[in-house]
Amino acid sequence: MKPISIYLPTKVIFGLGVLDKLQEEAPKIGKRALVVTTGLKKTNTVQRTINLLESANLEAVIYNQIESNPKTENIDEGVRVFHTKGCDFVIGLGGGSAMDAAKAIAVVSKNGGQIRDYVPMITARRKNITESFPVICITTTAGTGSEVTMFSVVTIPETLEKPGLGYECMYPKLAIVDPELTISMPASVTANVGIDTFFHAMENYLSKSAHVITDMFSFQAMEWVIKYLPVAYSEPENIEARSYMHLANLIAGYSITVGTPATLHAISHAISGITDIAHGQALSMAAVAFLKFTHQSDYERYAKVARLFSPTLNESSDQKAAEALPNLLQEFLSLLGLPSCLKTLNFTDADVRKIARDIFVATPRIANQSLRSMTENDVYDLLRLAL
C-alpha cells in the first residue's frame, strides 16, 4: 500500500440548528469578524449570524460584494475592509464563492500584497505561506467542500484564468454545517452544487492519487449523492436528503484534501474562467466526454462507479460496465436539468486551445491527475469530444 499524508485540522459541527453554536465558538477565535458573503438576500441567515456574534459580545463587519466565481478585485477589496475595520478573523458565510473568498482574504490580509501576488501558484511572487488570520466557514450549500479544505479558487479577469491557492494555514478553524440552511436553495442551485460534490468524489476515485482512505470517502459520497440529490432537487424541504447531501459534501471535501481530483476539475475551472458559469454546470458540460476519453485506463474502477448508478451491471464484465458509465452519467445529469456537453457555449477553436493550455498553468496540481495521463493536446481532443 502506498504512503499517504492525512491532515484534517478543521473542527466540524454538524446537525440541524447548529448555526446557534456560533455564539459559543466564535469568541474562542476572535473579537471582530469580517463576515464575507454573496448576499443571501432571500434568507435571514446573515442577520442571524450577526445577532449570534453580537450576543457573544463580538463585532461584525459585513462584506457582501463577493461575486459568483470570486474575482481578484473582490478579494483585494475584502482585504482593504478587513484592515480598515480592524478585524481579526473572517467568517465565510454562504456557498463555495463566499468560503473561498474568506480564506483568500484571510491569507492575504495576514501576509500582505494583493491576491495576484499569490495566484497562479506556479508563477506567484509570494509562496510557501505559513500564516493566515483564522477563518470560520458557515456553509449554506451542499457542494464545494470548501468548509473543510485549504483551497481557494479565484478568477483573474484580465487573463480569464481561474487558479487555485492552497496552504495548510488556510484550513478553516471551524466549519458549521447545518442542513437547515440549505432548504431555501433553488432547485437549479441544489443541482449545481450537488453535482460538484459527486464529481469531487468520482474524480478522486478515478485519480492517480486514489488510496484506500480516499476510496472510502469517495465511494460513500458518490452513493449518497446518487440516492439523495434527486430527492433534494425535487423535494427541497426533505431534511433527510439535505442532511445526507451535506454529509456527502463533507466527506468528498476530505477526499479532495487527502487526495487530488482528476483533470476534469481543472477543465471546469478553466471553462468557468472564460464564461463565468457555475462550477457544477461547467463540470457537467465536460464530464461525459471526460469519461468517454478516459474509461479505458482502468475498467475495474470505472465499472465500480457505473454499478453505483445501475446495480444490474453487477452481472456484466468490467469493460462493459465501464463503457456504460458515460451514458449513465448523462441520464443522471438530465434528471437534474444539467447540461452534458459544451455546445451551448459556442466555443471557438481558440477558446478550446486556451483551456487546454491554461489548466497546466492555473491548476497544475490537478491538470494531469486522471488515470489516463494528459498532455495539452489530449485535453484539446477531450474538449472537442464535448462540443
Protein backbone atom coordinates (compact mmCIF):
# COMPACT_ATOMS: atom_id res chain seq x y z
CA MET A 1 0.00 0.00 0.00
CA LYS A 2 1.42 3.39 -0.98
CA PRO A 3 2.16 6.03 1.69
CA ILE A 4 -0.35 8.78 2.43
CA SER A 5 -0.37 12.02 4.42
CA ILE A 6 -3.58 12.97 6.23
CA TYR A 7 -4.14 16.40 7.79
CA LEU A 8 -7.74 17.40 8.52
CA PRO A 9 -7.48 20.10 11.21
CA THR A 10 -10.88 21.80 10.84
CA LYS A 11 -13.32 21.38 13.72
CA VAL A 12 -16.70 20.44 12.22
CA ILE A 13 -20.03 20.94 13.95
CA PHE A 14 -22.78 19.13 12.02
CA GLY A 15 -26.52 18.92 12.59
CA LEU A 16 -29.87 20.63 12.48
CA GLY A 17 -29.84 24.02 14.18
CA VAL A 18 -26.09 24.07 14.88
CA LEU A 19 -25.72 27.60 13.50
CA ASP A 20 -26.54 28.65 17.07
CA LYS A 21 -23.22 27.12 18.16
CA LEU A 22 -21.52 30.14 16.62
CA GLN A 23 -22.37 32.11 19.75
CA GLU A 24 -20.13 29.93 21.93
CA GLU A 25 -17.47 29.04 19.36
CA ALA A 26 -16.67 32.42 17.77
CA PRO A 27 -15.28 34.06 20.95
CA LYS A 28 -12.59 31.35 21.02
CA ILE A 29 -11.32 32.61 17.66
CA GLY A 30 -11.51 36.42 17.65
CA LYS A 31 -13.27 39.63 18.62
CA ARG A 32 -14.21 41.37 15.38
CA ALA A 33 -15.30 39.33 12.38
CA LEU A 34 -15.33 40.25 8.74
CA VAL A 35 -18.41 38.37 7.53
CA VAL A 36 -17.84 37.56 3.85
CA THR A 37 -20.93 36.69 1.85
CA THR A 38 -22.52 36.92 -1.58
CA GLY A 39 -25.63 38.46 -0.02
CA LEU A 40 -28.12 35.66 0.76
CA LYS A 41 -30.83 38.28 0.31
CA LYS A 42 -33.72 35.80 0.34
CA THR A 43 -32.88 34.38 3.75
CA ASN A 44 -32.34 35.69 7.28
CA THR A 45 -29.07 33.77 7.69
CA VAL A 46 -26.87 36.87 7.55
CA GLN A 47 -28.90 38.66 10.21
CA ARG A 48 -28.99 35.52 12.37
CA THR A 49 -25.22 35.31 12.13
CA ILE A 50 -24.81 38.96 13.13
CA ASN A 51 -27.20 38.51 16.04
CA LEU A 52 -25.30 35.46 17.30
CA LEU A 53 -21.98 37.32 17.13
CA GLU A 54 -23.38 40.36 18.90
CA SER A 55 -24.97 38.20 21.59
CA ALA A 56 -21.45 36.88 22.27
CA ASN A 57 -20.20 40.49 22.58
CA LEU A 58 -18.33 40.30 19.28
CA GLU A 59 -18.41 42.86 16.49
CA ALA A 60 -19.40 42.03 12.92
CA VAL A 61 -18.41 43.82 9.73
CA ILE A 62 -20.35 42.74 6.65
CA TYR A 63 -18.61 42.45 3.29
CA ASN A 64 -21.22 41.25 0.78
CA GLN A 65 -19.59 42.16 -2.53
CA ILE A 66 -18.40 38.67 -3.42
CA GLU A 67 -19.40 37.58 -6.89
CA SER A 68 -20.08 34.05 -8.04
CA ASN A 69 -16.65 32.77 -9.08
CA PRO A 70 -15.00 35.50 -6.93
CA LYS A 71 -12.74 37.88 -8.81
CA THR A 72 -9.36 39.23 -7.78
CA GLU A 73 -10.80 42.68 -7.10
CA ASN A 74 -13.36 41.15 -4.70
CA ILE A 75 -10.52 39.68 -2.65
CA ASP A 76 -8.42 42.85 -2.65
CA GLU A 77 -11.38 44.98 -1.56
CA GLY A 78 -12.13 42.47 1.20
CA VAL A 79 -8.55 42.77 2.42
CA ARG A 80 -8.90 46.56 2.48
CA VAL A 81 -12.12 46.34 4.53
CA PHE A 82 -10.55 43.79 6.90
CA HIS A 83 -7.71 46.15 7.78
CA THR A 84 -9.76 49.38 7.73
CA LYS A 85 -12.29 47.97 10.18
CA GLY A 86 -9.70 46.34 12.44
CA CYS A 87 -10.95 42.77 12.05
CA ASP A 88 -9.07 39.82 13.49
CA PHE A 89 -10.85 36.86 11.90
CA VAL A 90 -13.01 36.07 8.88
CA ILE A 91 -16.32 34.24 8.52
CA GLY A 92 -17.20 32.80 5.11
CA LEU A 93 -21.00 32.64 5.06
CA GLY A 94 -22.64 31.07 2.01
CA GLY A 95 -21.54 28.69 -0.72
CA GLY A 96 -18.14 27.97 -2.20
CA SER A 97 -17.65 31.51 -3.52
CA ALA A 98 -18.07 33.10 -0.08
CA MET A 99 -15.97 30.50 1.71
CA ASP A 100 -13.18 30.52 -0.90
CA ALA A 101 -13.13 34.32 -0.77
CA ALA A 102 -12.98 34.28 3.04
CA LYS A 103 -9.90 32.06 3.01
CA ALA A 104 -8.21 34.18 0.35
CA ILE A 105 -8.96 37.42 2.20
CA ALA A 106 -7.62 35.97 5.45
CA VAL A 107 -4.32 34.77 3.99
CA VAL A 108 -3.64 37.97 2.00
CA SER A 109 -4.59 40.14 4.99
CA LYS A 110 -2.02 38.30 7.08
CA ASN A 111 0.82 38.23 4.56
CA GLY A 112 0.35 41.48 2.63
CA GLY A 113 0.20 42.43 -1.01
CA GLN A 114 -2.64 41.59 -3.40
CA ILE A 115 -4.19 38.28 -4.35
CA ARG A 116 -2.42 38.45 -7.72
CA ASP A 117 0.83 38.00 -5.77
CA TYR A 118 -0.39 34.53 -4.73
CA VAL A 119 -2.00 33.12 -7.91
CA PRO A 120 -1.40 31.20 -10.06
CA MET A 121 0.77 29.42 -7.51
CA ILE A 122 3.18 28.17 -10.15
CA THR A 123 4.18 31.75 -11.09
CA ALA A 124 3.31 33.53 -7.83
CA ARG A 125 5.62 36.13 -6.28
CA ARG A 126 4.55 35.06 -2.77
CA LYS A 127 4.95 31.35 -2.00
CA ASN A 128 5.41 28.94 0.90
CA ILE A 129 2.88 30.77 3.07
CA THR A 130 2.66 29.54 6.66
CA GLU A 131 0.33 32.03 8.39
CA SER A 132 -3.23 33.28 7.95
CA PHE A 133 -5.87 35.00 10.00
CA PRO A 134 -8.35 32.43 11.33
CA VAL A 135 -11.45 31.55 9.34
CA ILE A 136 -14.87 30.15 10.24
CA CYS A 137 -16.91 28.67 7.39
CA ILE A 138 -20.70 28.52 7.60
CA THR A 139 -21.89 26.65 4.55
CA THR A 140 -25.36 27.28 3.13
CA THR A 141 -24.95 24.89 0.19
CA ALA A 142 -24.10 21.19 -0.01
CA GLY A 143 -21.32 21.49 -2.55
CA THR A 144 -17.67 22.54 -2.99
CA GLY A 145 -16.41 21.10 0.33
CA SER A 146 -14.69 24.44 0.89
CA GLU A 147 -15.60 24.43 4.59
CA VAL A 148 -13.05 21.65 5.27
CA THR A 149 -10.34 22.26 2.65
CA MET A 150 -7.34 24.56 2.49
CA PHE A 151 -8.16 25.64 -1.05
CA SER A 152 -9.47 28.86 -2.52
CA VAL A 153 -10.22 29.45 -6.19
CA VAL A 154 -10.15 32.97 -7.64
CA THR A 155 -10.87 34.27 -11.16
CA ILE A 156 -8.38 36.67 -12.77
CA PRO A 157 -10.50 38.82 -15.14
CA GLU A 158 -7.54 40.03 -17.21
CA THR A 159 -6.45 36.53 -18.22
CA LEU A 160 -9.77 34.68 -17.76
CA GLU A 161 -7.90 32.13 -15.64
CA LYS A 162 -9.38 30.56 -12.51
CA PRO A 163 -6.39 29.37 -10.49
CA GLY A 164 -6.39 27.78 -7.06
CA LEU A 165 -4.49 28.73 -3.93
CA GLY A 166 -3.88 26.40 -1.01
CA TYR A 167 -1.62 26.25 2.03
CA GLU A 168 -2.13 24.34 5.28
CA CYS A 169 -2.55 27.59 7.20
CA MET A 170 -5.71 28.25 5.13
CA TYR A 171 -7.75 25.41 6.63
CA PRO A 172 -10.78 26.88 8.42
CA LYS A 173 -10.57 26.71 12.20
CA LEU A 174 -14.26 25.83 12.37
CA ALA A 175 -16.92 24.60 9.94
CA ILE A 176 -20.59 24.93 10.86
CA VAL A 177 -22.60 22.50 8.75
CA ASP A 178 -26.33 22.99 9.33
CA PRO A 179 -28.63 21.24 6.79
CA GLU A 180 -31.46 23.64 7.67
CA LEU A 181 -29.54 26.42 5.92
CA THR A 182 -29.81 24.64 2.56
CA ILE A 183 -33.60 24.32 2.40
CA SER A 184 -34.03 27.70 0.69
CA MET A 185 -31.70 26.76 -2.22
CA PRO A 186 -33.47 26.86 -5.60
CA ALA A 187 -33.58 23.55 -7.46
CA SER A 188 -31.00 24.72 -10.00
CA VAL A 189 -28.51 25.64 -7.26
CA THR A 190 -29.19 22.34 -5.47
CA ALA A 191 -28.32 20.51 -8.69
CA ASN A 192 -25.21 22.58 -9.45
CA VAL A 193 -23.62 22.26 -6.03
CA GLY A 194 -24.75 18.69 -5.52
CA ILE A 195 -23.17 17.52 -8.74
CA ASP A 196 -19.94 19.26 -7.71
CA THR A 197 -19.95 17.02 -4.64
CA PHE A 198 -20.38 13.99 -6.87
CA PHE A 199 -17.50 14.97 -9.12
CA HIS A 200 -15.21 15.66 -6.17
CA ALA A 201 -15.81 12.09 -5.07
CA MET A 202 -15.77 10.49 -8.53
CA GLU A 203 -12.63 12.28 -9.64
CA ASN A 204 -10.74 11.30 -6.52
CA TYR A 205 -11.78 7.70 -7.07
CA LEU A 206 -10.54 7.97 -10.68
CA SER A 207 -7.35 9.81 -9.76
CA LYS A 208 -3.69 8.81 -9.70
CA SER A 209 -3.74 9.87 -6.05
CA ALA A 210 -6.50 7.39 -5.12
CA HIS A 211 -5.83 5.47 -1.92
CA VAL A 212 -7.89 3.11 0.23
CA ILE A 213 -8.54 6.07 2.56
CA THR A 214 -9.81 8.39 -0.18
CA ASP A 215 -11.70 5.49 -1.75
CA MET A 216 -13.64 5.12 1.49
CA PHE A 217 -14.70 8.78 1.45
CA SER A 218 -15.28 8.92 -2.30
CA PHE A 219 -17.35 5.78 -2.69
CA GLN A 220 -19.70 6.65 0.16
CA ALA A 221 -20.11 10.21 -1.08
CA MET A 222 -20.98 9.03 -4.60
CA GLU A 223 -23.51 6.56 -3.23
CA TRP A 224 -25.24 9.23 -1.14
CA VAL A 225 -25.33 11.77 -3.99
CA ILE A 226 -26.86 9.27 -6.42
CA LYS A 227 -29.54 8.40 -3.85
CA TYR A 228 -30.29 11.76 -2.27
CA LEU A 229 -29.54 14.52 -4.80
CA PRO A 230 -32.61 13.77 -6.97
CA VAL A 231 -34.72 13.85 -3.80
CA ALA A 232 -33.29 17.18 -2.60
CA TYR A 233 -33.76 18.53 -6.14
CA SER A 234 -37.44 17.59 -6.36
CA GLU A 235 -38.34 17.88 -2.65
CA PRO A 236 -36.44 20.91 -1.33
CA GLU A 237 -37.76 20.61 2.23
CA ASN A 238 -36.80 16.94 2.60
CA ILE A 239 -34.42 17.37 5.51
CA GLU A 240 -33.14 13.78 5.34
CA ALA A 241 -31.99 14.30 1.75
CA ARG A 242 -30.49 17.69 2.64
CA SER A 243 -28.63 16.15 5.59
CA TYR A 244 -27.14 13.31 3.58
CA MET A 245 -26.10 15.71 0.82
CA HIS A 246 -24.28 17.77 3.44
CA LEU A 247 -22.53 14.65 4.73
CA ALA A 248 -21.63 13.62 1.18
CA ASN A 249 -20.20 17.08 0.56
CA LEU A 250 -18.24 16.94 3.80
CA ILE A 251 -16.53 13.61 3.13
CA ALA A 252 -15.97 14.45 -0.55
CA GLY A 253 -14.19 17.54 0.78
CA TYR A 254 -11.99 15.27 2.88
CA SER A 255 -11.31 13.20 -0.22
CA ILE A 256 -10.05 16.14 -2.29
CA THR A 257 -7.94 17.31 0.64
CA VAL A 258 -6.23 13.99 1.30
CA GLY A 259 -6.14 13.11 -2.41
CA THR A 260 -6.33 15.08 -5.63
CA PRO A 261 -9.23 15.37 -8.07
CA ALA A 262 -8.71 14.46 -11.70
CA THR A 263 -8.26 16.56 -14.84
CA LEU A 264 -12.00 17.21 -15.19
CA HIS A 265 -11.83 19.68 -12.30
CA ALA A 266 -9.02 21.65 -13.90
CA ILE A 267 -11.00 21.80 -17.15
CA SER A 268 -14.13 23.02 -15.37
CA HIS A 269 -12.23 25.83 -13.64
CA ALA A 270 -10.89 26.98 -16.99
CA ILE A 271 -14.38 26.87 -18.52
CA SER A 272 -15.75 28.99 -15.68
CA GLY A 273 -12.85 31.40 -16.04
CA ILE A 274 -13.84 32.11 -19.64
CA THR A 275 -17.64 32.01 -19.25
CA ASP A 276 -18.29 32.80 -15.54
CA ILE A 277 -20.83 29.96 -15.39
CA ALA A 278 -21.41 27.96 -12.20
CA HIS A 279 -18.74 25.41 -11.35
CA GLY A 280 -21.17 22.49 -11.24
CA GLN A 281 -22.54 23.41 -14.65
CA ALA A 282 -19.05 23.58 -16.12
CA LEU A 283 -18.23 20.18 -14.67
CA SER A 284 -21.39 18.66 -16.11
CA MET A 285 -20.66 20.02 -19.58
CA ALA A 286 -17.29 18.24 -19.79
CA ALA A 287 -17.89 15.16 -17.64
CA VAL A 288 -19.46 12.78 -20.16
CA ALA A 289 -16.67 13.45 -22.65
CA PHE A 290 -14.13 13.01 -19.84
CA LEU A 291 -15.48 9.54 -19.07
CA LYS A 292 -15.58 8.56 -22.73
CA PHE A 293 -11.99 9.73 -23.14
CA THR A 294 -10.55 8.07 -20.04
CA HIS A 295 -12.56 4.95 -19.12
CA GLN A 296 -10.17 2.57 -20.90
CA SER A 297 -7.45 3.49 -18.38
CA ASP A 298 -8.93 1.32 -15.59
CA TYR A 299 -12.02 -0.70 -16.46
CA GLU A 300 -12.37 -2.01 -12.91
CA ARG A 301 -12.59 1.40 -11.23
CA TYR A 302 -14.87 2.93 -13.84
CA ALA A 303 -17.08 -0.17 -13.64
CA LYS A 304 -17.47 0.24 -9.88
CA VAL A 305 -18.75 3.79 -10.41
CA ALA A 306 -21.13 2.61 -13.13
CA ARG A 307 -22.57 -0.07 -10.83
CA LEU A 308 -23.49 2.60 -8.29
CA PHE A 309 -25.81 4.05 -10.93
CA SER A 310 -27.03 0.67 -12.18
CA PRO A 311 -26.67 -2.44 -9.95
CA THR A 312 -27.85 -4.57 -12.90
CA LEU A 313 -24.32 -4.12 -14.24
CA ASN A 314 -23.08 -6.39 -11.46
CA GLU A 315 -23.63 -9.25 -13.90
CA SER A 316 -21.63 -7.54 -16.65
CA SER A 317 -17.90 -7.51 -17.28
CA ASP A 318 -15.87 -4.60 -16.01
CA GLN A 319 -15.25 -3.42 -19.56
CA LYS A 320 -18.95 -3.43 -20.45
CA ALA A 321 -19.87 -1.63 -17.22
CA ALA A 322 -17.14 0.97 -17.71
CA GLU A 323 -18.30 1.59 -21.26
CA ALA A 324 -21.84 2.19 -19.95
CA LEU A 325 -20.75 4.84 -17.44
CA PRO A 326 -20.83 7.91 -19.76
CA ASN A 327 -24.45 7.25 -20.75
CA LEU A 328 -25.47 6.53 -17.16
CA LEU A 329 -23.98 9.83 -16.06
CA GLN A 330 -25.67 11.65 -18.93
CA GLU A 331 -29.05 10.25 -17.81
CA PHE A 332 -28.39 11.37 -14.22
CA LEU A 333 -27.46 14.89 -15.37
CA SER A 334 -30.62 15.08 -17.45
CA LEU A 335 -32.69 14.09 -14.41
CA LEU A 336 -31.26 17.14 -12.62
CA GLY A 337 -31.71 19.55 -15.51
CA LEU A 338 -27.96 19.82 -16.05
CA PRO A 339 -26.19 20.04 -19.44
CA SER A 340 -23.87 17.27 -20.61
CA CYS A 341 -21.94 18.95 -23.42
CA LEU A 342 -20.34 22.28 -24.33
CA LYS A 343 -22.41 23.09 -27.43
CA THR A 344 -24.39 25.97 -25.92
CA LEU A 345 -21.20 27.88 -25.06
CA ASN A 346 -20.28 28.38 -28.71
CA PHE A 347 -16.59 27.96 -28.03
CA THR A 348 -14.17 28.80 -30.81
CA ASP A 349 -11.14 26.66 -31.52
CA ALA A 350 -9.06 29.38 -29.84
CA ASP A 351 -11.18 29.03 -26.68
CA VAL A 352 -10.61 25.29 -26.62
CA ARG A 353 -6.88 25.76 -27.14
CA LYS A 354 -6.78 28.30 -24.31
CA ILE A 355 -8.50 25.93 -21.87
CA ALA A 356 -6.16 23.07 -22.81
CA ARG A 357 -3.16 25.34 -22.24
CA ASP A 358 -4.34 27.21 -19.15
CA ILE A 359 -5.05 24.22 -16.93
CA PHE A 360 -1.36 23.34 -16.77
CA VAL A 361 -0.53 26.87 -15.57
CA ALA A 362 -3.53 27.87 -13.44
CA THR A 363 -4.25 24.47 -11.84
CA PRO A 364 -1.11 22.35 -12.23
CA ARG A 365 -1.86 20.24 -9.14
CA ILE A 366 -4.87 18.63 -10.80
CA ALA A 367 -4.21 19.07 -14.51
CA ASN A 368 -2.70 15.62 -15.05
CA GLN A 369 -4.21 13.55 -12.23
CA SER A 370 -6.50 11.37 -14.33
CA LEU A 371 -5.76 7.67 -14.55
CA ARG A 372 -5.18 8.35 -18.25
CA SER A 373 -2.24 10.74 -18.42
CA MET A 374 -2.98 14.00 -20.22
CA THR A 375 -0.99 16.39 -22.36
CA GLU A 376 -2.23 19.71 -23.66
CA ASN A 377 -3.16 18.01 -26.95
CA ASP A 378 -5.06 15.29 -25.08
CA VAL A 379 -7.11 17.89 -23.24
CA TYR A 380 -7.81 19.61 -26.53
CA ASP A 381 -9.07 16.33 -28.03
CA LEU A 382 -11.22 15.68 -24.95
CA LEU A 383 -12.84 19.10 -25.23
CA ARG A 384 -13.52 18.62 -28.93
CA LEU A 385 -15.37 15.46 -27.95
CA ALA A 386 -17.56 17.53 -25.61
CA LEU A 387 -18.57 20.07 -28.28
